């Protein structure tokens, strides 16, 4: 039995990668998960669905979903 069959059998299917979702600071988060800022210096944050997307260093930035949570 291959690993993928074993995972499916055990109900541990891998999560599909997130769609290309980008939101600006201040917008309402549409998907809970790990978000990465776009720009020369990047950081990641966890944001829950419904919360506002944060500022980065006091500035508005674009955030890209990198992992569903």
C-alpha atoms as a PDB file:
ATOM      1  CA  UNK A   1       0.000   0.000   0.000  1.00  0.00           C
ATOM      2  CA  UNK A   2       1.433   3.396  -0.961  1.00  0.00           C
ATOM      3  CA  UNK A   3       1.646   6.302   1.470  1.00  0.00           C
ATOM      4  CA  UNK A   4      -1.099   8.208  -0.332  1.00  0.00           C
ATOM      5  CA  UNK A   5      -3.457   5.234  -0.073  1.00  0.00           C
ATOM      6  CA  UNK A   6      -2.574   4.803   3.593  1.00  0.00           C
ATOM      7  CA  UNK A   7      -3.250   8.506   4.287  1.00  0.00           C
ATOM      8  CA  UNK A   8      -6.612   8.340   2.525  1.00  0.00           C
ATOM      9  CA  UNK A   9      -7.506   5.197   4.413  1.00  0.00           C
ATOM     10  CA  UNK A  10      -6.587   6.821   7.733  1.00  0.00           C
ATOM     11  CA  UNK A  11      -8.555   9.963   6.837  1.00  0.00           C
ATOM     12  CA  UNK A  12      -5.429  12.096   6.844  1.00  0.00           C
ATOM     13  CA  UNK A  13      -5.667  13.515   3.354  1.00  0.00           C
ATOM     14  CA  UNK A  14      -3.346  16.430   2.731  1.00  0.00           C
ATOM     15  CA  UNK A  15      -4.971  19.855   2.577  1.00  0.00           C
ATOM     16  CA  UNK A  16      -5.140  21.360  -0.859  1.00  0.00           C
ATOM     17  CA  UNK A  17      -2.798  24.330  -1.297  1.00  0.00           C
ATOM     18  CA  UNK A  18      -4.526  27.690  -0.872  1.00  0.00           C
ATOM     19  CA  UNK A  19      -5.880  29.571  -3.843  1.00  0.00           C
ATOM     20  CA  UNK A  20      -4.043  32.734  -4.839  1.00  0.00           C
ATOM     21  CA  UNK A  21      -5.747  35.027  -2.307  1.00  0.00           C
ATOM     22  CA  UNK A  22      -4.296  38.503  -1.712  1.00  0.00           C
ATOM     23  CA  UNK A  23      -5.777  41.070   0.673  1.00  0.00           C
ATOM     24  CA  UNK A  24      -4.649  44.555   1.717  1.00  0.00           C
ATOM     25  CA  UNK A  25      -4.174  45.685   5.307  1.00  0.00           C
ATOM     26  CA  UNK A  26      -7.474  46.739   6.867  1.00  0.00           C
ATOM     27  CA  UNK A  27      -9.602  44.391   4.729  1.00  0.00           C
ATOM     28  CA  UNK A  28     -11.609  41.648   6.401  1.00  0.00           C
ATOM     29  CA  UNK A  29      -9.820  38.285   6.321  1.00  0.00           C
ATOM     30  CA  UNK A  30     -11.761  35.815   4.177  1.00  0.00           C
ATOM     31  CA  UNK A  31      -9.831  32.641   5.082  1.00  0.00           C
ATOM     32  CA  UNK A  32      -8.166  31.728   8.372  1.00  0.00           C
ATOM     33  CA  UNK A  33      -4.530  30.837   7.905  1.00  0.00           C
ATOM     34  CA  UNK A  34      -0.937  31.936   7.574  1.00  0.00           C
ATOM     35  CA  UNK A  35      -0.433  35.086   5.507  1.00  0.00           C
ATOM     36  CA  UNK A  36       2.823  36.511   4.129  1.00  0.00           C
ATOM     37  CA  UNK A  37       3.409  40.188   3.405  1.00  0.00           C
ATOM     38  CA  UNK A  38       4.531  41.192  -0.068  1.00  0.00           C
ATOM     39  CA  UNK A  39       7.567  43.402  -0.437  1.00  0.00           C
ATOM     40  CA  UNK A  40      11.346  43.462  -0.032  1.00  0.00           C
ATOM     41  CA  UNK A  41      11.140  42.359   3.617  1.00  0.00           C
ATOM     42  CA  UNK A  42       8.459  39.744   4.267  1.00  0.00           C
ATOM     43  CA  UNK A  43       6.903  38.424   7.439  1.00  0.00           C
ATOM     44  CA  UNK A  44       4.171  35.911   8.145  1.00  0.00           C
ATOM     45  CA  UNK A  45       1.214  36.190  10.499  1.00  0.00           C
ATOM     46  CA  UNK A  46      -1.765  34.021  11.408  1.00  0.00           C
ATOM     47  CA  UNK A  47      -5.089  35.778  10.833  1.00  0.00           C
ATOM     48  CA  UNK A  48      -8.522  34.360  11.662  1.00  0.00           C
ATOM     49  CA  UNK A  49     -11.451  34.666   9.260  1.00  0.00           C
ATOM     50  CA  UNK A  50     -13.358  37.900   9.926  1.00  0.00           C
ATOM     51  CA  UNK A  51     -10.438  39.738  11.557  1.00  0.00           C
ATOM     52  CA  UNK A  52      -8.904  42.774   9.828  1.00  0.00           C
ATOM     53  CA  UNK A  53      -5.664  42.203   7.957  1.00  0.00           C
ATOM     54  CA  UNK A  54      -2.864  43.872   9.934  1.00  0.00           C
ATOM     55  CA  UNK A  55      -0.558  46.739   9.083  1.00  0.00           C
ATOM     56  CA  UNK A  56       3.147  45.932   8.726  1.00  0.00           C
ATOM     57  CA  UNK A  57       5.534  48.358  10.431  1.00  0.00           C
ATOM     58  CA  UNK A  58       2.635  50.831  10.571  1.00  0.00           C
ATOM     59  CA  UNK A  59       2.041  50.698   6.812  1.00  0.00           C
ATOM     60  CA  UNK A  60      -0.604  49.224   4.555  1.00  0.00           C
ATOM     61  CA  UNK A  61       0.697  46.161   2.704  1.00  0.00           C
ATOM     62  CA  UNK A  62      -0.695  43.335   0.619  1.00  0.00           C
ATOM     63  CA  UNK A  63      -0.954  39.915   2.275  1.00  0.00           C
ATOM     64  CA  UNK A  64      -0.902  36.588   0.406  1.00  0.00           C
ATOM     65  CA  UNK A  65      -2.388  33.415   1.864  1.00  0.00           C
ATOM     66  CA  UNK A  66       0.362  30.795   2.095  1.00  0.00           C
ATOM     67  CA  UNK A  67      -1.281  28.132   4.275  1.00  0.00           C
ATOM     68  CA  UNK A  68      -4.902  27.445   5.170  1.00  0.00           C
ATOM     69  CA  UNK A  69      -5.503  27.201   8.862  1.00  0.00           C
END
